Amino acid sequence: MRVKGLVLNVAWYCFGIITMGTLTIFTKNPEKSPVISAKQAKKDAMMPADIPFALRDEFQKDESTVMSAKQAKRDAMMPADIPFTLRDGFQNTNRMSNRMRCNCSGVKYEKILKVMETEEPKEVEDRRKVELQKFKRRTKSSKETLMIVNGSVPLSYPVQGVVVAPEEWEDIPGLKVVDNTLRNKYKVKLSSSELGVLTIRATVPKVRVDGLGTATLTIISRFLAHLNRQLEFVVYVNTVFDIDARDFVRFSYLHHEAIFPINIRVRRSPTLYDPRPGNINDKVTIITKTFLRYPSVRLLIQSIQTYYPKMRIIVADDNRPFEDLQSEHVDHYIMPHKSGWFGGRNLGVSQVITPYLLWLDDDYVFHEETKLEVMVDILDNSNLDVVSGLRGDKILYYNKMAVIPGEDDDDGVCIWHQQYKNYGKVPGFPNCYFSTRLENFFMGRTDGVRSVGFYPAYSRKADEEFYLDALGKLRMAACKGVHIHHNRTWSNLYNTHRWGRDIKDYHEMQDRIIYFRNNANCWHYV
């Protein structure tokens, strides 16, 4: 009996040793084992917020189903193998992403822009392409970069909205790994591209972090919850100065990878104007440019002072000889002789200190329907930058103007027009219509108009050029409810200056400027 009992004890002891060894092997190799220890399961069930952390010294910042075989076969098809039919309106064989492409040959109502006649056109075109590439390099930081998130990526990360000032740091919120598979260890890698480095502002126990303060940060832990807790404290530090640029961070786990942007942006102080409640004279300055039409500009000033006697008026004048227009509330600026229309507009805008300016030609006349309060109300209560009204006996004027790329991205563009077409009504203002070209009777935000400016080479006439420069920079609308008379004034001397024998030369100069400066090959009127 003693021998039998001893044998049984030995057998049970061996069985126990074998069992414990097996369990140990499975515990140390959880990826190969279906068995999870209670302790391990408890740790992985922890919420990230329950895991303690210690802030690092330099970051003491306040914390505020089964698929059928047939279905599987269908889903295994490559998208490019599936046929499609283009709908009407999308028959673009060059690039489906573009609404349209243009070329400047054989189109009705086309105006071809000319290059310098004294030089070989090929030489000018080559120089233009060189300057285009320089422009693209200067503005590449503000260009949107296409980023596509692949399906079934077990990563959480910010798609946009992370902004850091130069030489400062910022949290990268939303970083997280979602993985329901128990693994021996969890490892992620984050890499910045060129403008900064990555580090952490707090340490979490049972987590190893390599590459602090470098472009590549590696985080490893046996526990997913701890890893995710550590990801909450990853920060981006800018090291390369720029005023408005974009860096990219790669976030990888196993064979999965995501890319998201970090915006580098200098903080800008706002520009505010004290409107002094209830006083329109402190909100609006009127500017005009006069040449060879003193009777007209005097009538304009008189009409303004009839309805707005205390509103400041700025007159830019390049006449010779000149007459004195200076008076109370009228500032008369004398320019060099024949400085030109856009030069005068620049001078006038440069002297405005009110939040809004009203631009109008020197042969306009105020009357009882010239209600500037309507324009002020629209600008005060919308995000519009410029609003225009009705002029003379014309109907409300608006225009759809757009830049259409050539057949290749480095080709010259077409400037596309649809006259008396608009982009719809302005929300909240049913009498206003979004437009990209207006009348020369408009009220605008001073800083917005000043930021676009008026190219001074256009000295005699330029009805479209300001709006071409303002495309994509200013929100504009044509609005009913404000009207101004047009007192057309002509004289032989004025007509000779504006429409004289050399007008053809002036138009060719305009074409050459737009060809090179705006990279345009033609105007296209629809």
Protein backbone atom coordinates (compact mmCIF):
# COMPACT_ATOMS: atom_id res chain seq x y z
CA MET A 1 0.00 0.00 0.00
CA ARG A 2 2.84 2.37 0.89
CA VAL A 3 4.53 1.59 -2.43
CA LYS A 4 1.28 2.11 -4.30
CA GLY A 5 0.65 5.43 -2.53
CA LEU A 6 4.19 6.58 -3.23
CA VAL A 7 3.77 5.77 -6.92
CA LEU A 8 0.51 7.73 -7.05
CA ASN A 9 2.09 10.73 -5.36
CA VAL A 10 5.01 10.72 -7.77
CA ALA A 11 2.59 10.46 -10.70
CA TRP A 12 0.53 13.37 -9.46
CA TYR A 13 3.69 15.43 -8.86
CA CYS A 14 4.92 14.79 -12.42
CA PHE A 15 1.54 15.64 -13.84
CA GLY A 16 1.58 18.89 -11.93
CA ILE A 17 5.06 19.78 -13.18
CA ILE A 18 4.04 19.12 -16.78
CA THR A 19 0.82 21.10 -16.41
CA MET A 20 2.55 24.09 -14.85
CA GLY A 21 5.20 24.04 -17.56
CA THR A 22 2.59 24.00 -20.28
CA LEU A 23 0.71 26.88 -18.73
CA THR A 24 3.93 28.82 -18.36
CA ILE A 25 4.79 28.31 -22.01
CA PHE A 26 1.32 29.46 -23.08
CA THR A 27 1.47 32.45 -20.76
CA LYS A 28 4.88 33.55 -22.04
CA ASN A 29 3.74 33.10 -25.64
CA PRO A 30 0.24 34.56 -25.63
CA GLU A 31 0.15 34.90 -29.39
CA LYS A 32 0.34 31.08 -29.63
CA SER A 33 -2.02 30.45 -26.75
CA PRO A 34 -5.80 30.61 -26.57
CA VAL A 35 -5.55 30.87 -22.80
CA ILE A 36 -5.32 34.29 -21.12
CA SER A 37 -4.41 34.50 -17.46
CA ALA A 38 -6.82 36.33 -15.19
CA LYS A 39 -4.14 38.84 -14.28
CA GLN A 40 -3.30 39.56 -17.91
CA ALA A 41 -6.99 39.90 -18.85
CA LYS A 42 -7.51 42.29 -15.97
CA LYS A 43 -4.60 44.49 -17.09
CA ASP A 44 -5.76 44.65 -20.70
CA ALA A 45 -9.28 45.47 -19.53
CA MET A 46 -8.03 48.60 -17.77
CA MET A 47 -9.26 51.91 -19.12
CA PRO A 48 -6.40 54.16 -20.29
CA ALA A 49 -7.55 56.92 -17.94
CA ASP A 50 -6.99 54.56 -14.96
CA ILE A 51 -3.27 54.23 -15.70
CA PRO A 52 -1.05 56.69 -13.84
CA PHE A 53 1.56 58.85 -15.52
CA ALA A 54 4.31 61.26 -14.56
CA LEU A 55 4.79 64.54 -16.40
CA ARG A 56 8.30 65.21 -17.67
CA ASP A 57 9.87 68.42 -16.42
CA GLU A 58 9.89 70.32 -19.72
CA PHE A 59 6.21 69.64 -20.40
CA GLN A 60 4.51 71.08 -17.34
CA LYS A 61 1.48 72.17 -19.30
CA ASP A 62 -2.05 72.13 -17.87
CA GLU A 63 -4.16 69.09 -18.86
CA SER A 64 -7.64 70.18 -19.70
CA THR A 65 -19.58 37.72 -39.95
CA VAL A 66 -18.96 34.77 -42.54
CA MET A 67 -19.01 35.78 -46.17
CA SER A 68 -20.33 33.51 -48.94
CA ALA A 69 -17.81 32.29 -51.50
CA LYS A 70 -19.66 34.17 -54.21
CA GLN A 71 -19.61 37.41 -52.24
CA ALA A 72 -15.95 36.94 -51.40
CA LYS A 73 -15.14 36.45 -55.07
CA ARG A 74 -16.96 39.66 -55.94
CA ASP A 75 -15.20 41.65 -53.25
CA ALA A 76 -11.86 40.26 -54.36
CA MET A 77 -12.23 41.96 -57.74
CA MET A 78 -9.86 44.83 -58.36
CA PRO A 79 -11.77 48.15 -58.73
CA ALA A 80 -10.00 48.86 -62.02
CA ASP A 81 -11.51 45.65 -63.44
CA ILE A 82 -15.08 46.89 -62.95
CA PRO A 83 -16.56 48.71 -65.97
CA PHE A 84 -18.21 52.11 -65.68
CA THR A 85 -20.11 54.62 -67.82
CA LEU A 86 -19.40 58.34 -67.53
CA ARG A 87 -22.47 60.49 -66.94
CA ASP A 88 -23.16 63.51 -69.10
CA GLY A 89 -21.29 66.53 -67.83
CA PHE A 90 -18.26 64.50 -66.75
CA GLN A 91 -16.90 63.68 -70.18
CA ASN A 92 -13.37 64.77 -69.35
CA THR A 93 -10.83 62.39 -70.76
CA ASN A 94 -7.81 64.18 -69.31
CA ARG A 95 -8.46 63.94 -65.60
CA MET A 96 -11.75 62.95 -64.02
CA SER A 97 -10.98 65.10 -60.98
CA ASN A 98 -11.12 68.31 -62.99
CA ARG A 99 -14.30 70.07 -63.95
CA MET A 100 -12.77 71.23 -67.22
CA ARG A 101 -9.52 71.84 -69.06
CA CYS A 102 -8.95 74.52 -71.61
CA ASN A 103 -7.01 75.31 -74.72
CA CYS A 104 -7.13 78.60 -76.55
CA SER A 105 -7.73 77.47 -80.11
CA GLY A 106 -10.90 77.46 -82.14
CA VAL A 107 -13.27 78.74 -79.46
CA LYS A 108 -15.78 81.46 -80.19
CA TYR A 109 -15.42 84.73 -78.25
CA GLU A 110 -11.82 83.97 -77.44
CA LYS A 111 -9.20 86.65 -76.95
CA ILE A 112 -5.68 85.34 -77.37
CA LEU A 113 -3.10 87.12 -75.25
CA LYS A 114 0.07 88.17 -77.02
CA VAL A 115 3.67 87.75 -75.96
CA MET A 116 6.44 90.30 -76.43
CA GLU A 117 6.78 91.06 -80.13
CA THR A 118 10.42 92.15 -79.74
CA GLU A 119 11.46 88.71 -78.47
CA GLU A 120 11.05 85.14 -79.53
CA PRO A 121 7.73 83.84 -78.08
CA LYS A 122 9.46 80.57 -77.10
CA GLU A 123 11.96 82.46 -74.95
CA VAL A 124 9.21 84.33 -73.15
CA GLU A 125 7.23 81.14 -72.62
CA ASP A 126 10.30 79.41 -71.17
CA ARG A 127 10.90 82.28 -68.76
CA ARG A 128 7.26 82.17 -67.70
CA LYS A 129 7.52 78.46 -66.92
CA VAL A 130 10.60 79.05 -64.79
CA GLU A 131 8.81 81.75 -62.81
CA LEU A 132 5.75 79.49 -62.44
CA GLN A 133 7.88 76.82 -60.80
CA LYS A 134 9.34 79.41 -58.42
CA PHE A 135 5.82 80.53 -57.54
CA LYS A 136 4.75 76.95 -56.86
CA ARG A 137 7.72 76.43 -54.56
CA ARG A 138 6.87 79.55 -52.60
CA THR A 139 3.24 78.58 -52.18
CA LYS A 140 3.53 74.80 -51.80
CA SER A 141 3.06 74.94 -48.03
CA SER A 142 -0.49 76.21 -48.43
CA LYS A 143 -1.43 73.70 -51.14
CA GLU A 144 -3.78 70.94 -50.05
CA THR A 145 -2.20 67.50 -50.11
CA LEU A 146 -4.39 64.53 -51.00
CA MET A 147 -4.52 62.00 -48.18
CA ILE A 148 -6.62 58.84 -48.34
CA VAL A 149 -7.45 56.74 -45.27
CA ASN A 150 -7.44 53.04 -46.14
CA GLY A 151 -10.27 50.91 -44.80
CA SER A 152 -9.90 48.71 -41.71
CA VAL A 153 -6.91 50.58 -40.30
CA PRO A 154 -6.86 49.94 -36.52
CA LEU A 155 -5.47 53.41 -35.83
CA SER A 156 -7.07 56.56 -34.51
CA TYR A 157 -5.40 59.86 -35.33
CA PRO A 158 -6.24 63.50 -36.13
CA VAL A 159 -7.19 64.15 -39.75
CA GLN A 160 -6.74 67.91 -39.43
CA GLY A 161 -6.68 70.69 -36.89
CA VAL A 162 -3.24 70.25 -35.27
CA VAL A 163 -1.55 73.65 -35.41
CA VAL A 164 1.78 74.56 -33.83
CA ALA A 165 3.56 77.90 -33.75
CA PRO A 166 7.20 77.99 -34.93
CA GLU A 167 9.70 76.65 -32.37
CA GLU A 168 6.87 75.56 -30.05
CA TRP A 169 5.27 72.22 -29.26
CA GLU A 170 1.72 70.92 -29.36
CA ASP A 171 -0.13 67.73 -28.36
CA ILE A 172 -1.15 65.31 -31.09
CA PRO A 173 -4.64 64.36 -29.91
CA GLY A 174 -6.58 61.23 -30.78
CA LEU A 175 -3.68 58.78 -31.22
CA LYS A 176 -4.81 55.24 -30.38
CA VAL A 177 -4.44 51.61 -31.44
CA VAL A 178 -7.52 49.38 -31.60
CA ASP A 179 -6.59 45.68 -31.56
CA ASN A 180 -8.65 42.82 -30.09
CA THR A 181 -5.87 40.28 -30.55
CA LEU A 182 -3.73 39.45 -27.53
CA ARG A 183 -0.07 39.87 -28.43
CA ASN A 184 3.25 39.40 -26.75
CA LYS A 185 3.98 43.10 -27.27
CA TYR A 186 2.52 46.12 -28.98
CA LYS A 187 4.70 48.49 -30.98
CA VAL A 188 3.95 51.70 -32.85
CA LYS A 189 6.19 54.10 -34.74
CA LEU A 190 5.62 57.76 -35.50
CA SER A 191 7.81 59.67 -37.95
CA SER A 192 7.74 63.35 -38.89
CA SER A 193 8.88 64.39 -42.34
CA GLU A 194 10.99 67.54 -42.31
CA LEU A 195 9.88 70.42 -40.13
CA GLY A 196 9.95 69.03 -36.61
CA VAL A 197 10.62 66.21 -34.15
CA LEU A 198 8.53 64.03 -31.87
CA THR A 199 8.74 63.44 -28.14
CA ILE A 200 6.50 62.81 -25.12
CA ARG A 201 5.57 65.15 -22.31
CA ALA A 202 4.79 62.44 -19.74
CA THR A 203 5.99 58.92 -19.02
CA VAL A 204 3.71 55.93 -18.45
CA PRO A 205 4.89 52.81 -16.57
CA LYS A 206 5.53 49.56 -18.43
CA VAL A 207 6.12 51.44 -21.67
CA ARG A 208 9.42 51.88 -23.51
CA VAL A 209 9.90 54.95 -25.70
CA ASP A 210 12.84 55.24 -28.08
CA GLY A 211 13.86 58.21 -30.19
CA LEU A 212 12.84 61.07 -27.93
CA GLY A 213 13.45 64.40 -29.64
CA THR A 214 14.09 62.88 -33.06
CA ALA A 215 12.09 62.53 -36.24
CA THR A 216 11.19 58.90 -35.39
CA LEU A 217 9.51 57.88 -32.16
CA THR A 218 9.00 54.20 -31.26
CA ILE A 219 6.69 53.14 -28.44
CA ILE A 220 6.60 49.52 -27.14
CA SER A 221 4.60 47.86 -24.37
CA ARG A 222 3.31 44.43 -23.39
CA PHE A 223 0.01 46.05 -22.51
CA LEU A 224 -2.17 47.76 -25.10
CA ALA A 225 -3.88 49.98 -22.55
CA HIS A 226 -0.53 51.31 -21.36
CA LEU A 227 0.57 51.91 -24.95
CA ASN A 228 -2.59 53.88 -25.68
CA ARG A 229 -2.13 55.86 -22.49
CA GLN A 230 1.37 56.79 -23.61
CA LEU A 231 0.07 57.86 -27.00
CA GLU A 232 -2.00 60.51 -25.23
CA PHE A 233 1.22 62.34 -24.36
CA VAL A 234 2.94 62.39 -27.75
CA VAL A 235 3.82 65.91 -28.84
CA TYR A 236 5.17 67.49 -32.00
CA VAL A 237 7.97 70.05 -31.67
CA ASN A 238 8.64 72.44 -34.55
CA THR A 239 12.33 72.88 -35.38
CA VAL A 240 12.31 74.48 -38.86
CA PHE A 241 10.88 77.99 -39.10
CA ASP A 242 8.18 78.90 -41.59
CA ILE A 243 5.23 81.26 -41.35
CA ASP A 244 2.67 78.91 -42.93
CA ALA A 245 3.79 75.38 -43.77
CA ARG A 246 2.66 71.79 -43.38
CA ASP A 247 4.54 68.81 -42.01
CA PHE A 248 3.32 65.20 -42.13
CA VAL A 249 3.50 62.47 -39.51
CA ARG A 250 3.44 58.77 -40.35
CA PHE A 251 1.76 56.57 -37.74
CA SER A 252 2.43 52.85 -38.21
CA TYR A 253 1.42 49.66 -36.38
CA LEU A 254 2.12 46.16 -37.71
CA HIS A 255 1.55 46.49 -41.48
CA HIS A 256 -0.86 49.42 -41.09
CA GLU A 257 0.12 53.03 -41.73
CA ALA A 258 -1.65 56.37 -41.55
CA ILE A 259 -0.44 59.86 -42.48
CA PHE A 260 -1.78 63.07 -41.01
CA PRO A 261 -0.77 66.77 -41.26
CA ILE A 262 0.71 69.16 -38.73
CA ASN A 263 0.26 72.82 -39.63
CA ILE A 264 3.09 75.21 -38.81
CA ARG A 265 1.60 78.67 -38.52
CA VAL A 266 2.74 81.94 -37.04
CA ARG A 267 0.18 83.45 -34.71
CA ARG A 268 -1.21 86.62 -36.21
CA SER A 269 -2.61 89.56 -34.35
CA PRO A 270 -6.10 90.58 -35.44
CA THR A 271 -6.73 93.93 -37.09
CA LEU A 272 -9.68 95.59 -35.37
CA TYR A 273 -11.37 98.91 -35.98
CA ASP A 274 -13.35 100.80 -33.38
CA PRO A 275 -16.66 101.52 -35.16
CA ARG A 276 -17.97 104.00 -32.56
CA PRO A 277 -21.57 102.74 -32.45
CA GLY A 278 -24.12 104.51 -34.59
CA ASN A 279 -21.75 106.69 -36.61
CA ILE A 280 -21.37 105.62 -40.24
CA ASN A 281 -18.75 108.32 -40.81
CA ASP A 282 -16.37 106.34 -38.58
CA LYS A 283 -16.96 103.19 -40.60
CA VAL A 284 -16.68 104.30 -44.23
CA THR A 285 -14.21 106.38 -46.29
CA ILE A 286 -15.01 107.25 -49.91
CA ILE A 287 -12.19 107.17 -52.47
CA THR A 288 -12.08 108.17 -56.12
CA LYS A 289 -9.51 108.93 -58.81
CA THR A 290 -9.94 111.91 -61.11
CA PHE A 291 -8.34 112.92 -64.40
CA LEU A 292 -9.53 115.61 -66.85
CA ARG A 293 -12.99 115.70 -65.25
CA TYR A 294 -12.96 118.39 -62.57
CA PRO A 295 -16.64 119.38 -63.11
CA SER A 296 -17.63 115.75 -62.58
CA VAL A 297 -15.59 115.19 -59.43
CA ARG A 298 -16.85 118.46 -57.94
CA LEU A 299 -20.45 117.34 -58.58
CA LEU A 300 -19.64 114.00 -56.97
CA ILE A 301 -18.21 115.64 -53.85
CA GLN A 302 -21.21 117.95 -53.60
CA SER A 303 -23.66 115.06 -53.89
CA ILE A 304 -21.83 113.04 -51.23
CA GLN A 305 -21.85 115.94 -48.80
CA THR A 306 -25.58 116.40 -49.36
CA TYR A 307 -26.30 112.98 -47.86
CA TYR A 308 -23.17 112.30 -45.81
CA PRO A 309 -21.75 115.74 -44.94
CA LYS A 310 -19.16 114.49 -42.45
CA MET A 311 -17.89 111.45 -44.33
CA ARG A 312 -14.24 111.60 -45.34
CA ILE A 313 -13.55 111.71 -49.09
CA ILE A 314 -10.14 110.92 -50.62
CA VAL A 315 -9.41 112.19 -54.13
CA ALA A 316 -6.32 111.02 -56.03
CA ASP A 317 -5.54 113.48 -58.80
CA ASP A 318 -2.90 113.33 -61.58
CA ASN A 319 -4.11 116.33 -63.62
CA ARG A 320 -1.87 119.09 -64.94
CA PRO A 321 -2.62 121.82 -64.26
CA PHE A 322 -4.52 120.82 -61.14
CA GLU A 323 -7.33 122.57 -59.31
CA ASP A 324 -7.57 122.65 -55.54
CA LEU A 325 -10.25 120.32 -54.15
CA GLN A 326 -9.09 120.34 -50.53
CA SER A 327 -11.81 121.21 -48.01
CA GLU A 328 -13.28 120.02 -44.75
CA HIS A 329 -13.70 116.21 -44.93
CA VAL A 330 -12.05 116.16 -48.41
CA ASP A 331 -8.40 115.10 -48.71
CA HIS A 332 -6.97 115.99 -52.13
CA TYR A 333 -3.77 114.10 -53.07
CA ILE A 334 -1.75 115.39 -56.04
CA MET A 335 0.12 112.68 -57.95
CA PRO A 336 2.75 112.90 -60.70
CA HIS A 337 1.14 113.74 -64.03
CA LYS A 338 -0.63 110.78 -65.68
CA SER A 339 0.27 108.40 -62.86
CA GLY A 340 -2.72 106.38 -63.88
CA TRP A 341 -5.97 104.92 -62.69
CA PHE A 342 -4.73 101.96 -60.66
CA GLY A 343 -1.90 104.00 -59.20
CA GLY A 344 -4.49 106.47 -57.94
CA ARG A 345 -6.62 103.71 -56.49
CA ASN A 346 -3.61 102.39 -54.60
CA LEU A 347 -2.91 105.84 -53.21
CA GLY A 348 -6.49 106.28 -52.08
CA VAL A 349 -6.71 102.88 -50.40
CA SER A 350 -3.39 103.44 -48.63
CA GLN A 351 -4.83 106.46 -46.78
CA VAL A 352 -8.01 104.80 -45.43
CA ILE A 353 -8.19 104.24 -41.66
CA THR A 354 -11.84 103.15 -41.42
CA PRO A 355 -12.90 99.48 -41.58
CA TYR A 356 -14.68 99.96 -44.91
CA LEU A 357 -13.99 101.93 -48.07
CA LEU A 358 -16.33 102.89 -50.89
CA TRP A 359 -14.79 102.99 -54.36
CA LEU A 360 -16.53 104.84 -57.17
CA ASP A 361 -15.61 106.61 -60.42
CA ASP A 362 -15.39 110.38 -60.51
CA ASP A 363 -18.47 110.76 -62.74
CA TYR A 364 -20.95 109.15 -60.33
CA VAL A 365 -23.54 111.10 -58.35
CA PHE A 366 -25.20 110.28 -55.01
CA HIS A 367 -28.98 110.55 -54.67
CA GLU A 368 -31.66 109.45 -52.21
CA GLU A 369 -31.26 105.75 -53.09
CA THR A 370 -27.51 105.74 -52.49
CA LYS A 371 -27.89 104.18 -49.05
CA LEU A 372 -24.45 103.26 -47.78
CA GLU A 373 -26.02 101.92 -44.57
CA VAL A 374 -27.33 98.95 -46.58
CA MET A 375 -23.82 98.03 -47.67
CA VAL A 376 -22.44 98.50 -44.15
CA ASP A 377 -25.17 96.25 -42.72
CA ILE A 378 -24.31 93.49 -45.20
CA LEU A 379 -20.58 93.65 -44.44
CA ASP A 380 -21.20 93.89 -40.68
CA ASN A 381 -23.36 90.76 -40.68
CA SER A 382 -21.71 88.47 -43.23
CA ASN A 383 -18.30 87.13 -44.15
CA LEU A 384 -18.32 89.04 -47.45
CA ASP A 385 -15.34 91.25 -48.25
CA VAL A 386 -16.82 93.34 -51.08
CA VAL A 387 -20.39 94.29 -52.03
CA SER A 388 -21.55 96.31 -55.04
CA GLY A 389 -24.80 98.02 -55.96
CA LEU A 390 -26.70 99.25 -58.99
CA ARG A 391 -25.16 101.85 -61.30
CA GLY A 392 -27.01 104.26 -63.61
CA ASP A 393 -29.66 102.65 -65.77
CA LYS A 394 -27.97 99.24 -65.74
CA ILE A 395 -29.46 96.09 -64.27
CA LEU A 396 -27.63 94.46 -61.37
CA TYR A 397 -24.28 93.35 -62.71
CA TYR A 398 -22.55 90.14 -61.68
CA ASN A 399 -20.20 87.77 -63.42
CA LYS A 400 -18.74 84.31 -62.94
CA MET A 401 -15.01 84.49 -63.53
CA ALA A 402 -12.70 81.51 -63.05
CA VAL A 403 -9.21 80.36 -63.91
CA ILE A 404 -9.28 77.12 -65.94
CA PRO A 405 -6.04 75.11 -66.12
CA GLY A 406 -4.51 74.20 -69.45
CA GLU A 407 -4.16 70.69 -70.79
CA ASP A 408 -1.05 70.32 -68.63
CA ASP A 409 -0.57 71.75 -65.15
CA ASP A 410 2.38 73.83 -66.34
CA ASP A 411 0.54 75.23 -69.35
CA GLY A 412 -0.93 78.71 -69.31
CA VAL A 413 -4.49 79.04 -68.05
CA CYS A 414 -7.69 80.37 -69.59
CA ILE A 415 -9.61 83.15 -67.86
CA TRP A 416 -13.22 82.06 -68.13
CA HIS A 417 -16.20 84.45 -68.00
CA GLN A 418 -19.95 84.02 -67.81
CA GLN A 419 -21.53 87.44 -67.84
CA TYR A 420 -24.73 88.01 -65.87
CA LYS A 421 -24.32 84.68 -64.11
CA ASN A 422 -23.82 84.26 -60.37
CA TYR A 423 -23.02 81.61 -57.78
CA GLY A 424 -26.32 81.86 -55.91
CA LYS A 425 -27.79 84.02 -53.19
CA VAL A 426 -25.89 85.02 -50.09
CA PRO A 427 -27.42 83.24 -47.03
CA GLY A 428 -29.44 85.73 -45.02
CA PHE A 429 -29.35 88.33 -47.79
CA PRO A 430 -31.83 87.34 -50.54
CA ASN A 431 -31.03 90.43 -52.63
CA CYS A 432 -27.29 89.64 -52.80
CA TYR A 433 -25.67 87.26 -55.28
CA PHE A 434 -22.21 85.73 -55.03
CA SER A 435 -20.01 86.93 -57.88
CA THR A 436 -16.37 87.18 -58.84
CA ARG A 437 -16.62 90.43 -60.80
CA LEU A 438 -18.64 93.51 -59.90
CA GLU A 439 -19.37 97.11 -60.87
CA ASN A 440 -16.88 99.88 -60.17
CA PHE A 441 -19.19 101.00 -57.38
CA PHE A 442 -18.43 98.84 -54.39
CA MET A 443 -17.81 98.89 -50.66
CA GLY A 444 -15.14 96.60 -49.29
CA ARG A 445 -13.25 95.73 -46.17
CA THR A 446 -10.24 98.02 -46.23
CA ASP A 447 -7.69 95.37 -45.26
CA GLY A 448 -9.07 92.91 -47.81
CA VAL A 449 -9.00 95.34 -50.72
CA ARG A 450 -5.57 96.61 -49.66
CA SER A 451 -4.19 93.06 -49.54
CA VAL A 452 -5.07 92.56 -53.23
CA GLY A 453 -4.15 96.04 -54.41
CA PHE A 454 -4.25 97.52 -57.90
CA TYR A 455 -1.39 96.75 -60.30
CA PRO A 456 -0.22 100.27 -61.22
CA ALA A 457 0.86 99.48 -64.80
CA TYR A 458 -2.84 99.62 -65.71
CA SER A 459 -3.01 103.37 -66.11
CA ARG A 460 -5.84 104.07 -68.54
CA LYS A 461 -8.44 101.34 -68.30
CA ALA A 462 -8.68 98.03 -66.49
CA ASP A 463 -12.15 96.75 -65.71
CA GLU A 464 -11.35 93.07 -65.10
CA GLU A 465 -7.78 93.00 -63.83
CA PHE A 466 -8.48 93.81 -60.16
CA TYR A 467 -11.08 91.04 -59.99
CA LEU A 468 -8.65 88.61 -61.61
CA ASP A 469 -6.13 89.35 -58.87
CA ALA A 470 -8.86 89.05 -56.22
CA LEU A 471 -9.99 85.56 -57.30
CA GLY A 472 -9.82 83.20 -54.33
CA LYS A 473 -8.86 86.06 -51.99
CA LEU A 474 -12.02 88.11 -51.56
CA ARG A 475 -15.65 87.01 -51.12
CA MET A 476 -17.78 89.30 -53.26
CA ALA A 477 -21.48 89.82 -53.97
CA ALA A 478 -23.67 92.12 -56.06
CA CYS A 479 -26.60 93.47 -54.06
CA LYS A 480 -29.84 95.26 -54.80
CA GLY A 481 -31.01 98.06 -52.53
CA VAL A 482 -28.26 100.60 -53.25
CA HIS A 483 -28.20 102.71 -56.41
CA ILE A 484 -25.98 105.49 -57.74
CA HIS A 485 -26.41 107.77 -60.77
CA HIS A 486 -23.86 107.71 -63.56
CA ASN A 487 -23.25 111.20 -64.93
CA ARG A 488 -21.27 110.24 -67.99
CA THR A 489 -18.76 112.97 -68.77
CA TRP A 490 -16.73 113.07 -71.94
CA SER A 491 -14.48 115.60 -73.59
CA ASN A 492 -12.25 115.52 -76.67
CA LEU A 493 -9.16 115.67 -74.48
CA TYR A 494 -10.42 112.90 -72.19
CA ASN A 495 -11.42 110.71 -75.15
CA THR A 496 -8.04 111.26 -76.80
CA HIS A 497 -6.23 110.19 -73.64
CA ARG A 498 -8.35 107.12 -72.98
CA TRP A 499 -9.24 106.01 -76.50
CA GLY A 500 -6.59 107.70 -78.66
CA ARG A 501 -4.55 106.28 -81.53
CA ASP A 502 -2.20 104.49 -79.17
CA ILE A 503 -5.01 102.57 -77.43
CA LYS A 504 -4.01 99.49 -79.43
CA ASP A 505 -0.54 99.68 -77.94
CA TYR A 506 -2.06 99.99 -74.46
CA HIS A 507 -4.25 96.92 -74.99
CA GLU A 508 -1.25 94.94 -76.22
CA MET A 509 0.62 95.99 -73.08
CA GLN A 510 -2.29 94.70 -70.98
CA ASP A 511 -2.19 91.41 -72.86
CA ARG A 512 1.55 91.00 -72.30
CA ILE A 513 1.19 91.68 -68.57
CA ILE A 514 -1.62 89.19 -68.12
CA TYR A 515 0.15 86.62 -70.28
CA PHE A 516 3.20 86.65 -68.03
CA ARG A 517 2.03 87.92 -64.64
CA ASN A 518 -1.16 85.84 -64.49
CA ASN A 519 0.18 82.90 -66.56
CA ALA A 520 -2.82 83.28 -68.88
CA ASN A 521 -3.04 82.39 -72.56
CA CYS A 522 -6.49 83.77 -73.31
CA TRP A 523 -9.76 85.23 -72.10
CA HIS A 524 -12.72 82.93 -72.76
CA TYR A 525 -16.16 84.57 -72.77
CA VAL A 526 -19.18 82.29 -72.53
